[in-house]
Amino acid sequence: MDKTPETIKLTASELSYLWTSYLADSMSVCILKFFLVHIDDNEIKALITYALELSQKHVEFIRETFIKEQIQIPQGFTEQDVNLFTKRLFSDVFYLRYIRNMSKGGLVTYGRVLQNIYRMDIRSFYSECLTDTLELDTKATSILLEKGLAMRPPVIPYPQKLEFVHKQSFILEGLGRREALTGTEVTNLYTNVLTNHLGAAITTAFSQVAKSKKVRKYLLRGKDVSLKHIKVLSSYLEMNSLSIPSSFEQEVTDSIESPFSDKLMMFHFSLMIYAGVGNYGIAISESQRTDLVVDYSRFNMEVLKLSEDGANLMIENQWLEQPPLSANRRDLAKS
């Protein structure tokens, strides 16, 4: 007997991905609506509008799916989490770089999600998410190039002859440093400096407008971590006379009016931490230098500690929604 999607229960992965996507996209709707209130460049405005339409479409699909499946819809983020009538907090250039970074994260996330999706209506949804995000990323990249704002990774020499590694020290160089970096190592260093610059800019803006002293203190601590990581990772590029991405902090205004709830800002920063852990994990797997692996591993421990403290702060303020959980068979047996 053929089964329609409605007669097949969502798996743990499908339920969890939809739940997380709802939170992230409902947050994006709030942020992008605020961006659109303060924007001058028409090309960037069209890009933000397209991104907003995608997030709204995602939220509506997930809401309808949860209603049909009789699943509790998360609270997520609503109009109560954004004030559209405060002063501008970011420049148009920041909006453009923000969308490019978010679309890059979406491509990674949706590609991973699809590997664990089997129900065809959910698979179609995430396939469309991946396609739409690729288009968003392409549009953002094109505008960055047109405006001369694209931060391209450094160029390295083209190989001119076939060569093989002759010494194990190429990988296991002990406490010393192999002078040259592989192309993959350069890419990961550059990307992680870039994402940390975005993190520093976000925490700069959020710390200016956060209402809670504890939240401000936590965000400033996050900024310090980002700046420290930028310094260490940039040193590898500098030693090889390679270009380093510039800071985004100049794209943050001096406004101290809060457009977003502290809950939204904490959730947003937690998503950036989550993405950072993933970026460092990839960099570890693709690095062939022990000093790089040691630094990335140390950074991950620092970021995970930061994440734990952020989660505790969100729990303290009752901002952290509980995700879908498996059944606790021991408690069921007791009852």
C-alpha atoms as a PDB file:
ATOM      1  CA  MET A   1       0.000   0.000   0.000  1.00  0.00           C
ATOM      2  CA  ASP A   2       1.416   3.378  -1.062  1.00  0.00           C
ATOM      3  CA  LYS A   3       1.854   5.927   1.673  1.00  0.00           C
ATOM      4  CA  THR A   4       1.282   9.629   1.216  1.00  0.00           C
ATOM      5  CA  PRO A   5       3.431  12.090   3.187  1.00  0.00           C
ATOM      6  CA  GLU A   6       0.504  12.690   5.551  1.00  0.00           C
ATOM      7  CA  THR A   7       0.511   9.040   6.671  1.00  0.00           C
ATOM      8  CA  ILE A   8       4.278   8.901   7.300  1.00  0.00           C
ATOM      9  CA  LYS A   9       5.434  10.331  10.613  1.00  0.00           C
ATOM     10  CA  LEU A  10       8.283  12.836  10.616  1.00  0.00           C
ATOM     11  CA  THR A  11      11.603  11.359  11.678  1.00  0.00           C
ATOM     12  CA  ALA A  12      13.627  12.861  14.516  1.00  0.00           C
ATOM     13  CA  SER A  13      15.878  14.606  12.006  1.00  0.00           C
ATOM     14  CA  GLU A  14      12.991  15.995   9.937  1.00  0.00           C
ATOM     15  CA  LEU A  15      11.161  17.272  13.013  1.00  0.00           C
ATOM     16  CA  SER A  16      14.298  18.816  14.524  1.00  0.00           C
ATOM     17  CA  TYR A  17      15.413  20.493  11.303  1.00  0.00           C
ATOM     18  CA  LEU A  18      11.959  22.000  10.739  1.00  0.00           C
ATOM     19  CA  TRP A  19      11.809  23.207  14.343  1.00  0.00           C
ATOM     20  CA  THR A  20      15.246  24.845  14.144  1.00  0.00           C
ATOM     21  CA  SER A  21      14.492  26.345  10.727  1.00  0.00           C
ATOM     22  CA  TYR A  22      11.323  27.925  12.096  1.00  0.00           C
ATOM     23  CA  LEU A  23      13.256  29.691  14.851  1.00  0.00           C
ATOM     24  CA  ALA A  24      16.008  30.872  12.491  1.00  0.00           C
ATOM     25  CA  ASP A  25      13.670  32.074   9.737  1.00  0.00           C
ATOM     26  CA  SER A  26      11.252  33.821  12.113  1.00  0.00           C
ATOM     27  CA  MET A  27      14.312  35.643  13.496  1.00  0.00           C
ATOM     28  CA  SER A  28      15.433  36.553   9.969  1.00  0.00           C
ATOM     29  CA  VAL A  29      12.002  38.007   9.180  1.00  0.00           C
ATOM     30  CA  CYS A  30      12.373  40.443  12.094  1.00  0.00           C
ATOM     31  CA  ILE A  31      15.922  41.444  11.170  1.00  0.00           C
ATOM     32  CA  LEU A  32      15.274  41.863   7.450  1.00  0.00           C
ATOM     33  CA  LYS A  33      12.145  43.938   8.033  1.00  0.00           C
ATOM     34  CA  PHE A  34      14.235  46.307  10.135  1.00  0.00           C
ATOM     35  CA  PHE A  35      16.934  46.456   7.453  1.00  0.00           C
ATOM     36  CA  LEU A  36      14.334  47.500   4.871  1.00  0.00           C
ATOM     37  CA  VAL A  37      13.238  50.495   6.958  1.00  0.00           C
ATOM     38  CA  HIS A  38      16.730  52.022   6.789  1.00  0.00           C
ATOM     39  CA  ILE A  39      18.217  51.433   3.334  1.00  0.00           C
ATOM     40  CA  ASP A  40      19.247  53.719   0.478  1.00  0.00           C
ATOM     41  CA  ASP A  41      20.733  51.482  -2.224  1.00  0.00           C
ATOM     42  CA  ASN A  42      18.033  50.070  -4.519  1.00  0.00           C
ATOM     43  CA  GLU A  43      20.038  47.009  -5.563  1.00  0.00           C
ATOM     44  CA  ILE A  44      20.705  46.019  -1.970  1.00  0.00           C
ATOM     45  CA  LYS A  45      17.078  46.771  -1.096  1.00  0.00           C
ATOM     46  CA  ALA A  46      15.885  44.343  -3.778  1.00  0.00           C
ATOM     47  CA  LEU A  47      18.266  41.695  -2.377  1.00  0.00           C
ATOM     48  CA  ILE A  48      16.977  42.190   1.180  1.00  0.00           C
ATOM     49  CA  THR A  49      13.387  42.028  -0.079  1.00  0.00           C
ATOM     50  CA  TYR A  50      14.100  38.726  -1.829  1.00  0.00           C
ATOM     51  CA  ALA A  51      15.739  37.315   1.301  1.00  0.00           C
ATOM     52  CA  LEU A  52      12.731  38.391   3.387  1.00  0.00           C
ATOM     53  CA  GLU A  53      10.322  36.692   0.979  1.00  0.00           C
ATOM     54  CA  LEU A  54      12.293  33.450   1.281  1.00  0.00           C
ATOM     55  CA  SER A  55      12.239  33.513   5.093  1.00  0.00           C
ATOM     56  CA  GLN A  56       8.519  34.287   5.160  1.00  0.00           C
ATOM     57  CA  LYS A  57       7.858  31.408   2.748  1.00  0.00           C
ATOM     58  CA  HIS A  58       9.861  29.031   4.935  1.00  0.00           C
ATOM     59  CA  VAL A  59       8.011  30.076   8.090  1.00  0.00           C
ATOM     60  CA  GLU A  60       4.625  29.595   6.431  1.00  0.00           C
ATOM     61  CA  PHE A  61       5.459  26.112   5.104  1.00  0.00           C
ATOM     62  CA  ILE A  62       6.710  24.915   8.479  1.00  0.00           C
ATOM     63  CA  ARG A  63       3.715  26.425  10.280  1.00  0.00           C
ATOM     64  CA  GLU A  64       1.296  24.636   7.926  1.00  0.00           C
ATOM     65  CA  THR A  65       3.210  21.355   8.288  1.00  0.00           C
ATOM     66  CA  PHE A  66       3.142  21.528  12.087  1.00  0.00           C
ATOM     67  CA  ILE A  67      -0.597  22.276  12.084  1.00  0.00           C
ATOM     68  CA  LYS A  68      -1.315  19.267   9.837  1.00  0.00           C
ATOM     69  CA  GLU A  69       0.914  17.038  11.961  1.00  0.00           C
ATOM     70  CA  GLN A  70      -0.583  18.404  15.209  1.00  0.00           C
ATOM     71  CA  ILE A  71       2.831  19.542  16.419  1.00  0.00           C
ATOM     72  CA  GLN A  72       3.210  22.472  18.780  1.00  0.00           C
ATOM     73  CA  ILE A  73       4.424  25.486  16.781  1.00  0.00           C
ATOM     74  CA  PRO A  74       7.487  27.125  18.396  1.00  0.00           C
ATOM     75  CA  GLN A  75       7.109  30.648  19.702  1.00  0.00           C
ATOM     76  CA  GLY A  76      10.095  31.734  17.633  1.00  0.00           C
ATOM     77  CA  PHE A  77      10.268  35.469  17.005  1.00  0.00           C
ATOM     78  CA  THR A  78       7.435  37.872  16.299  1.00  0.00           C
ATOM     79  CA  GLU A  79       6.787  41.573  15.827  1.00  0.00           C
ATOM     80  CA  GLN A  80       7.270  41.927  19.587  1.00  0.00           C
ATOM     81  CA  ASP A  81      10.988  41.174  19.076  1.00  0.00           C
ATOM     82  CA  VAL A  82      11.631  44.048  16.676  1.00  0.00           C
ATOM     83  CA  ASN A  83      11.040  47.811  16.773  1.00  0.00           C
ATOM     84  CA  LEU A  84      11.003  49.100  13.210  1.00  0.00           C
ATOM     85  CA  PHE A  85      10.976  52.742  14.283  1.00  0.00           C
ATOM     86  CA  THR A  86      14.383  53.076  15.930  1.00  0.00           C
ATOM     87  CA  LYS A  87      17.425  54.700  14.346  1.00  0.00           C
ATOM     88  CA  ARG A  88      19.559  52.997  11.730  1.00  0.00           C
ATOM     89  CA  LEU A  89      22.052  50.563  13.299  1.00  0.00           C
ATOM     90  CA  PHE A  90      23.919  49.292  10.214  1.00  0.00           C
ATOM     91  CA  SER A  91      25.049  50.656   6.850  1.00  0.00           C
ATOM     92  CA  ASP A  92      23.877  49.377   3.457  1.00  0.00           C
ATOM     93  CA  VAL A  93      27.303  47.794   2.955  1.00  0.00           C
ATOM     94  CA  PHE A  94      26.840  45.822   6.149  1.00  0.00           C
ATOM     95  CA  TYR A  95      23.466  44.548   4.907  1.00  0.00           C
ATOM     96  CA  LEU A  96      25.111  43.252   1.754  1.00  0.00           C
ATOM     97  CA  ARG A  97      27.944  41.495   3.594  1.00  0.00           C
ATOM     98  CA  TYR A  98      25.440  40.120   6.135  1.00  0.00           C
ATOM     99  CA  ILE A  99      23.284  38.534   3.417  1.00  0.00           C
ATOM    100  CA  ARG A 100      26.344  37.019   1.732  1.00  0.00           C
ATOM    101  CA  ASN A 101      27.506  35.463   4.996  1.00  0.00           C
ATOM    102  CA  MET A 102      24.035  34.164   5.912  1.00  0.00           C
ATOM    103  CA  SER A 103      23.565  32.636   2.456  1.00  0.00           C
ATOM    104  CA  LYS A 104      26.929  30.864   2.734  1.00  0.00           C
ATOM    105  CA  GLY A 105      25.801  29.397   6.043  1.00  0.00           C
ATOM    106  CA  GLY A 106      22.490  28.370   4.513  1.00  0.00           C
ATOM    107  CA  LEU A 107      24.176  26.493   1.681  1.00  0.00           C
ATOM    108  CA  VAL A 108      26.181  24.448   4.183  1.00  0.00           C
ATOM    109  CA  THR A 109      23.192  23.823   6.452  1.00  0.00           C
ATOM    110  CA  TYR A 110      20.695  22.819   3.766  1.00  0.00           C
ATOM    111  CA  GLY A 111      23.238  20.566   2.087  1.00  0.00           C
ATOM    112  CA  ARG A 112      23.748  18.727   5.381  1.00  0.00           C
ATOM    113  CA  VAL A 113      20.025  18.630   6.200  1.00  0.00           C
ATOM    114  CA  LEU A 114      19.084  17.000   2.905  1.00  0.00           C
ATOM    115  CA  GLN A 115      21.314  14.015   3.641  1.00  0.00           C
ATOM    116  CA  ASN A 116      18.953  13.004   6.472  1.00  0.00           C
ATOM    117  CA  ILE A 117      15.538  13.769   4.914  1.00  0.00           C
ATOM    118  CA  TYR A 118      13.355  10.964   3.510  1.00  0.00           C
ATOM    119  CA  ARG A 119       9.763  12.211   3.507  1.00  0.00           C
ATOM    120  CA  MET A 120       9.310  13.652   0.050  1.00  0.00           C
ATOM    121  CA  ASP A 121       7.348  16.796   0.943  1.00  0.00           C
ATOM    122  CA  ILE A 122      10.034  17.795   3.462  1.00  0.00           C
ATOM    123  CA  ARG A 123      12.775  16.820   1.011  1.00  0.00           C
ATOM    124  CA  SER A 124      11.184  19.000  -1.672  1.00  0.00           C
ATOM    125  CA  PHE A 125      10.985  21.883   0.789  1.00  0.00           C
ATOM    126  CA  TYR A 126      14.666  21.726   1.721  1.00  0.00           C
ATOM    127  CA  SER A 127      15.703  21.172  -1.897  1.00  0.00           C
ATOM    128  CA  GLU A 128      13.887  24.388  -2.764  1.00  0.00           C
ATOM    129  CA  CYS A 129      15.535  26.110   0.213  1.00  0.00           C
ATOM    130  CA  LEU A 130      18.941  25.071  -1.128  1.00  0.00           C
ATOM    131  CA  THR A 131      18.147  26.276  -4.652  1.00  0.00           C
ATOM    132  CA  ASP A 132      16.743  29.595  -3.440  1.00  0.00           C
ATOM    133  CA  THR A 133      19.711  30.171  -1.128  1.00  0.00           C
ATOM    134  CA  LEU A 134      22.121  29.497  -3.981  1.00  0.00           C
ATOM    135  CA  GLU A 135      20.324  32.156  -6.019  1.00  0.00           C
ATOM    136  CA  LEU A 136      20.462  34.559  -3.066  1.00  0.00           C
ATOM    137  CA  ASP A 137      24.193  33.921  -2.661  1.00  0.00           C
ATOM    138  CA  THR A 138      24.776  34.457  -6.391  1.00  0.00           C
ATOM    139  CA  LYS A 139      22.882  37.751  -6.342  1.00  0.00           C
ATOM    140  CA  ALA A 140      24.751  38.967  -3.264  1.00  0.00           C
ATOM    141  CA  THR A 141      28.106  38.014  -4.780  1.00  0.00           C
ATOM    142  CA  SER A 142      27.268  39.778  -8.058  1.00  0.00           C
ATOM    143  CA  ILE A 143      26.388  43.009  -6.243  1.00  0.00           C
ATOM    144  CA  LEU A 144      29.562  42.816  -4.141  1.00  0.00           C
ATOM    145  CA  LEU A 145      31.610  42.438  -7.337  1.00  0.00           C
ATOM    146  CA  GLU A 146      29.768  45.238  -9.153  1.00  0.00           C
ATOM    147  CA  LYS A 147      30.327  47.631  -6.273  1.00  0.00           C
ATOM    148  CA  GLY A 148      33.968  46.657  -5.766  1.00  0.00           C
ATOM    149  CA  LEU A 149      33.216  45.378  -2.259  1.00  0.00           C
ATOM    150  CA  ALA A 150      33.991  41.690  -2.732  1.00  0.00           C
ATOM    151  CA  MET A 151      36.675  40.367  -0.377  1.00  0.00           C
ATOM    152  CA  ARG A 152      38.250  37.645  -2.497  1.00  0.00           C
ATOM    153  CA  PRO A 153      40.520  35.031  -0.891  1.00  0.00           C
ATOM    154  CA  PRO A 154      44.243  35.551  -1.652  1.00  0.00           C
ATOM    155  CA  VAL A 155      45.907  34.328  -4.840  1.00  0.00           C
ATOM    156  CA  ILE A 156      48.682  31.699  -4.658  1.00  0.00           C
ATOM    157  CA  PRO A 157      51.071  30.595  -7.450  1.00  0.00           C
ATOM    158  CA  TYR A 158      49.797  28.088 -10.034  1.00  0.00           C
ATOM    159  CA  PRO A 159      51.673  24.744  -9.881  1.00  0.00           C
ATOM    160  CA  GLN A 160      54.086  24.543 -12.833  1.00  0.00           C
ATOM    161  CA  LYS A 161      55.261  20.939 -12.470  1.00  0.00           C
ATOM    162  CA  LEU A 162      54.254  17.650 -10.875  1.00  0.00           C
ATOM    163  CA  GLU A 163      55.667  17.298  -7.343  1.00  0.00           C
ATOM    164  CA  PHE A 164      55.314  14.825  -4.455  1.00  0.00           C
ATOM    165  CA  VAL A 165      55.792  15.310  -0.718  1.00  0.00           C
ATOM    166  CA  HIS A 166      59.119  13.759   0.342  1.00  0.00           C
ATOM    167  CA  LYS A 167      59.171  14.511   4.059  1.00  0.00           C
ATOM    168  CA  GLN A 168      56.703  13.641   6.798  1.00  0.00           C
ATOM    169  CA  SER A 169      57.489  17.022   8.316  1.00  0.00           C
ATOM    170  CA  PHE A 170      55.183  18.511   5.658  1.00  0.00           C
ATOM    171  CA  ILE A 171      52.355  17.396   7.954  1.00  0.00           C
ATOM    172  CA  LEU A 172      54.026  16.654  11.294  1.00  0.00           C
ATOM    173  CA  GLU A 173      56.331  19.617  11.730  1.00  0.00           C
ATOM    174  CA  GLY A 174      56.355  19.434  15.523  1.00  0.00           C
ATOM    175  CA  LEU A 175      56.331  22.788  17.236  1.00  0.00           C
ATOM    176  CA  GLY A 176      57.754  24.583  14.236  1.00  0.00           C
ATOM    177  CA  ARG A 177      55.830  26.072  11.338  1.00  0.00           C
ATOM    178  CA  ARG A 178      55.989  24.932   7.733  1.00  0.00           C
ATOM    179  CA  GLU A 179      56.602  28.173   5.910  1.00  0.00           C
ATOM    180  CA  ALA A 180      54.109  27.686   3.059  1.00  0.00           C
ATOM    181  CA  LEU A 181      50.362  27.183   3.448  1.00  0.00           C
ATOM    182  CA  THR A 182      48.282  24.899   1.263  1.00  0.00           C
ATOM    183  CA  GLY A 183      45.515  26.508  -0.784  1.00  0.00           C
ATOM    184  CA  THR A 184      42.880  24.897   1.450  1.00  0.00           C
ATOM    185  CA  GLU A 185      44.575  26.204   4.587  1.00  0.00           C
ATOM    186  CA  VAL A 186      44.645  29.708   3.096  1.00  0.00           C
ATOM    187  CA  THR A 187      40.940  29.455   2.232  1.00  0.00           C
ATOM    188  CA  ASN A 188      39.924  28.368   5.733  1.00  0.00           C
ATOM    189  CA  LEU A 189      42.105  30.994   7.416  1.00  0.00           C
ATOM    190  CA  TYR A 190      40.671  33.748   5.231  1.00  0.00           C
ATOM    191  CA  THR A 191      37.072  32.561   5.688  1.00  0.00           C
ATOM    192  CA  ASN A 192      37.386  32.292   9.463  1.00  0.00           C
ATOM    193  CA  VAL A 193      38.928  35.754   9.757  1.00  0.00           C
ATOM    194  CA  LEU A 194      36.053  37.088   7.637  1.00  0.00           C
ATOM    195  CA  THR A 195      33.324  35.427   9.722  1.00  0.00           C
ATOM    196  CA  ASN A 196      34.963  36.574  12.960  1.00  0.00           C
ATOM    197  CA  HIS A 197      34.979  40.139  11.637  1.00  0.00           C
ATOM    198  CA  LEU A 198      31.236  39.823  11.042  1.00  0.00           C
ATOM    199  CA  GLY A 199      30.834  38.428  14.555  1.00  0.00           C
ATOM    200  CA  ALA A 200      32.779  41.361  16.009  1.00  0.00           C
ATOM    201  CA  ALA A 201      30.579  43.839  14.115  1.00  0.00           C
ATOM    202  CA  ILE A 202      27.362  42.110  15.211  1.00  0.00           C
ATOM    203  CA  THR A 203      28.440  42.053  18.860  1.00  0.00           C
ATOM    204  CA  THR A 204      29.536  45.693  18.645  1.00  0.00           C
ATOM    205  CA  ALA A 205      26.065  46.693  17.433  1.00  0.00           C
ATOM    206  CA  PHE A 206      24.126  44.427  19.773  1.00  0.00           C
ATOM    207  CA  SER A 207      26.157  45.449  22.845  1.00  0.00           C
ATOM    208  CA  GLN A 208      25.348  49.109  22.095  1.00  0.00           C
ATOM    209  CA  VAL A 209      21.607  48.508  22.169  1.00  0.00           C
ATOM    210  CA  ALA A 210      21.071  45.576  24.561  1.00  0.00           C
ATOM    211  CA  LYS A 211      18.889  46.438  27.552  1.00  0.00           C
ATOM    212  CA  SER A 212      20.272  43.850  29.984  1.00  0.00           C
ATOM    213  CA  LYS A 213      23.669  44.492  31.576  1.00  0.00           C
ATOM    214  CA  LYS A 214      24.350  40.752  31.608  1.00  0.00           C
ATOM    215  CA  VAL A 215      23.595  40.500  27.894  1.00  0.00           C
ATOM    216  CA  ARG A 216      25.848  43.478  27.110  1.00  0.00           C
ATOM    217  CA  LYS A 217      28.669  41.967  29.146  1.00  0.00           C
ATOM    218  CA  TYR A 218      28.247  38.606  27.427  1.00  0.00           C
ATOM    219  CA  LEU A 219      28.216  40.144  23.937  1.00  0.00           C
ATOM    220  CA  LEU A 220      31.356  42.182  24.667  1.00  0.00           C
ATOM    221  CA  ARG A 221      33.022  38.981  25.849  1.00  0.00           C
ATOM    222  CA  GLY A 222      32.036  37.388  22.548  1.00  0.00           C
ATOM    223  CA  LYS A 223      33.586  40.319  20.690  1.00  0.00           C
ATOM    224  CA  ASP A 224      36.852  39.884  22.618  1.00  0.00           C
ATOM    225  CA  VAL A 225      36.944  36.204  21.617  1.00  0.00           C
ATOM    226  CA  SER A 226      36.379  37.106  17.960  1.00  0.00           C
ATOM    227  CA  LEU A 227      39.120  39.739  17.973  1.00  0.00           C
ATOM    228  CA  LYS A 228      41.588  37.339  19.601  1.00  0.00           C
ATOM    229  CA  HIS A 229      40.844  34.663  17.008  1.00  0.00           C
ATOM    230  CA  ILE A 230      41.206  37.205  14.201  1.00  0.00           C
ATOM    231  CA  LYS A 231      44.656  38.191  15.491  1.00  0.00           C
ATOM    232  CA  VAL A 232      45.953  34.616  15.648  1.00  0.00           C
ATOM    233  CA  LEU A 233      44.475  33.481  12.315  1.00  0.00           C
ATOM    234  CA  SER A 234      45.635  36.653  10.545  1.00  0.00           C
ATOM    235  CA  SER A 235      49.200  36.009  11.724  1.00  0.00           C
ATOM    236  CA  TYR A 236      49.356  32.878   9.549  1.00  0.00           C
ATOM    237  CA  LEU A 237      48.343  34.885   6.487  1.00  0.00           C
ATOM    238  CA  GLU A 238      50.700  37.749   7.344  1.00  0.00           C
ATOM    239  CA  MET A 239      53.664  35.380   7.661  1.00  0.00           C
ATOM    240  CA  ASN A 240      52.994  34.328   4.075  1.00  0.00           C
ATOM    241  CA  SER A 241      52.456  37.893   2.818  1.00  0.00           C
ATOM    242  CA  LEU A 242      48.815  37.137   2.029  1.00  0.00           C
ATOM    243  CA  SER A 243      45.943  39.616   2.217  1.00  0.00           C
ATOM    244  CA  ILE A 244      43.682  39.786   5.264  1.00  0.00           C
ATOM    245  CA  PRO A 245      39.966  40.717   5.296  1.00  0.00           C
ATOM    246  CA  SER A 246      39.215  44.136   6.759  1.00  0.00           C
ATOM    247  CA  SER A 247      36.970  44.886   9.717  1.00  0.00           C
ATOM    248  CA  PHE A 248      33.191  45.465   9.430  1.00  0.00           C
ATOM    249  CA  GLU A 249      32.858  47.515  12.610  1.00  0.00           C
ATOM    250  CA  GLN A 250      32.915  50.809  10.731  1.00  0.00           C
ATOM    251  CA  GLU A 251      29.587  49.741   9.173  1.00  0.00           C
ATOM    252  CA  VAL A 252      27.877  49.967  12.593  1.00  0.00           C
ATOM    253  CA  THR A 253      26.334  53.339  13.495  1.00  0.00           C
ATOM    254  CA  ASP A 254      26.497  55.008  16.915  1.00  0.00           C
ATOM    255  CA  SER A 255      22.816  54.357  17.670  1.00  0.00           C
ATOM    256  CA  ILE A 256      21.964  53.134  21.171  1.00  0.00           C
ATOM    257  CA  GLU A 257      18.258  52.592  20.448  1.00  0.00           C
ATOM    258  CA  SER A 258      17.417  48.896  20.521  1.00  0.00           C
ATOM    259  CA  PRO A 259      15.619  47.623  17.397  1.00  0.00           C
ATOM    260  CA  PHE A 260      15.696  44.006  18.615  1.00  0.00           C
ATOM    261  CA  SER A 261      14.762  42.213  21.817  1.00  0.00           C
ATOM    262  CA  ASP A 262      17.613  40.878  23.947  1.00  0.00           C
ATOM    263  CA  LYS A 263      16.155  37.415  23.358  1.00  0.00           C
ATOM    264  CA  LEU A 264      16.523  37.807  19.576  1.00  0.00           C
ATOM    265  CA  MET A 265      20.067  39.142  19.823  1.00  0.00           C
ATOM    266  CA  MET A 266      21.153  36.303  22.101  1.00  0.00           C
ATOM    267  CA  PHE A 267      19.616  33.718  19.773  1.00  0.00           C
ATOM    268  CA  HIS A 268      21.267  35.330  16.754  1.00  0.00           C
ATOM    269  CA  PHE A 269      24.667  35.254  18.435  1.00  0.00           C
ATOM    270  CA  SER A 270      24.141  31.609  19.441  1.00  0.00           C
ATOM    271  CA  LEU A 271      23.533  30.744  15.771  1.00  0.00           C
ATOM    272  CA  MET A 272      26.788  32.473  14.843  1.00  0.00           C
ATOM    273  CA  ILE A 273      28.617  30.473  17.525  1.00  0.00           C
ATOM    274  CA  TYR A 274      27.089  27.273  16.143  1.00  0.00           C
ATOM    275  CA  ALA A 275      28.294  28.173  12.651  1.00  0.00           C
ATOM    276  CA  GLY A 276      31.743  29.068  13.995  1.00  0.00           C
ATOM    277  CA  VAL A 277      32.145  25.673  15.657  1.00  0.00           C
ATOM    278  CA  GLY A 278      31.303  24.040  12.335  1.00  0.00           C
ATOM    279  CA  ASN A 279      33.760  26.255  10.436  1.00  0.00           C
ATOM    280  CA  TYR A 280      36.583  25.422  12.848  1.00  0.00           C
ATOM    281  CA  GLY A 281      35.740  21.720  12.646  1.00  0.00           C
ATOM    282  CA  ILE A 282      36.034  21.804   8.853  1.00  0.00           C
ATOM    283  CA  ALA A 283      39.300  23.743   9.105  1.00  0.00           C
ATOM    284  CA  ILE A 284      40.731  21.112  11.469  1.00  0.00           C
ATOM    285  CA  SER A 285      39.828  18.290   9.086  1.00  0.00           C
ATOM    286  CA  GLU A 286      41.392  20.115   6.132  1.00  0.00           C
ATOM    287  CA  SER A 287      44.596  21.364   7.817  1.00  0.00           C
ATOM    288  CA  GLN A 288      47.897  19.558   7.391  1.00  0.00           C
ATOM    289  CA  ARG A 289      49.808  21.630   9.939  1.00  0.00           C
ATOM    290  CA  THR A 290      49.784  20.660  13.594  1.00  0.00           C
ATOM    291  CA  ASP A 291      50.082  24.270  14.772  1.00  0.00           C
ATOM    292  CA  LEU A 292      46.930  25.167  12.845  1.00  0.00           C
ATOM    293  CA  VAL A 293      45.086  22.135  14.219  1.00  0.00           C
ATOM    294  CA  VAL A 294      46.131  23.046  17.769  1.00  0.00           C
ATOM    295  CA  ASP A 295      44.935  26.649  17.371  1.00  0.00           C
ATOM    296  CA  TYR A 296      41.603  25.669  15.801  1.00  0.00           C
ATOM    297  CA  SER A 297      41.022  23.036  18.514  1.00  0.00           C
ATOM    298  CA  ARG A 298      41.762  25.594  21.233  1.00  0.00           C
ATOM    299  CA  PHE A 299      39.419  28.091  19.591  1.00  0.00           C
ATOM    300  CA  ASN A 300      36.651  25.515  19.478  1.00  0.00           C
ATOM    301  CA  MET A 301      36.966  24.890  23.211  1.00  0.00           C
ATOM    302  CA  GLU A 302      36.736  28.642  23.882  1.00  0.00           C
ATOM    303  CA  VAL A 303      33.710  28.999  21.620  1.00  0.00           C
ATOM    304  CA  LEU A 304      31.942  26.000  23.181  1.00  0.00           C
ATOM    305  CA  LYS A 305      32.453  27.500  26.653  1.00  0.00           C
ATOM    306  CA  LEU A 306      31.045  30.788  25.361  1.00  0.00           C
ATOM    307  CA  SER A 307      28.080  28.885  23.936  1.00  0.00           C
ATOM    308  CA  GLU A 308      27.423  27.139  27.250  1.00  0.00           C
ATOM    309  CA  ASP A 309      27.439  30.418  29.165  1.00  0.00           C
ATOM    310  CA  GLY A 310      25.131  31.976  26.576  1.00  0.00           C
ATOM    311  CA  ALA A 311      22.696  29.075  26.897  1.00  0.00           C
ATOM    312  CA  ASN A 312      22.694  29.478  30.684  1.00  0.00           C
ATOM    313  CA  LEU A 313      21.935  33.189  30.296  1.00  0.00           C
ATOM    314  CA  MET A 314      19.040  32.416  27.952  1.00  0.00           C
ATOM    315  CA  ILE A 315      17.694  29.772  30.359  1.00  0.00           C
ATOM    316  CA  GLU A 316      17.932  32.243  33.227  1.00  0.00           C
ATOM    317  CA  ASN A 317      15.735  34.679  31.291  1.00  0.00           C
ATOM    318  CA  GLN A 318      13.407  31.947  29.954  1.00  0.00           C
ATOM    319  CA  TRP A 319      14.363  32.721  26.356  1.00  0.00           C
ATOM    320  CA  LEU A 320      15.530  29.242  25.347  1.00  0.00           C
ATOM    321  CA  GLU A 321      12.768  27.117  23.838  1.00  0.00           C
ATOM    322  CA  GLN A 322      13.109  23.390  24.458  1.00  0.00           C
ATOM    323  CA  PRO A 323      13.716  21.486  21.213  1.00  0.00           C
ATOM    324  CA  PRO A 324      11.888  18.236  20.333  1.00  0.00           C
ATOM    325  CA  LEU A 325      13.123  15.399  22.577  1.00  0.00           C
ATOM    326  CA  SER A 326      13.033  11.626  22.407  1.00  0.00           C
ATOM    327  CA  ALA A 327      10.764   9.845  24.910  1.00  0.00           C
ATOM    328  CA  ASN A 328      12.209   9.303  28.405  1.00  0.00           C
ATOM    329  CA  ARG A 329      11.317   5.645  28.815  1.00  0.00           C
ATOM    330  CA  ARG A 330      12.467   5.520  32.423  1.00  0.00           C
ATOM    331  CA  ASP A 331      10.123   8.321  33.475  1.00  0.00           C
ATOM    332  CA  LEU A 332       7.275   6.767  31.484  1.00  0.00           C
ATOM    333  CA  ALA A 333       7.795   3.484  33.292  1.00  0.00           C
ATOM    334  CA  LYS A 334       7.684   5.223  36.673  1.00  0.00           C
ATOM    335  CA  SER A 335       4.414   6.959  35.850  1.00  0.00           C
END
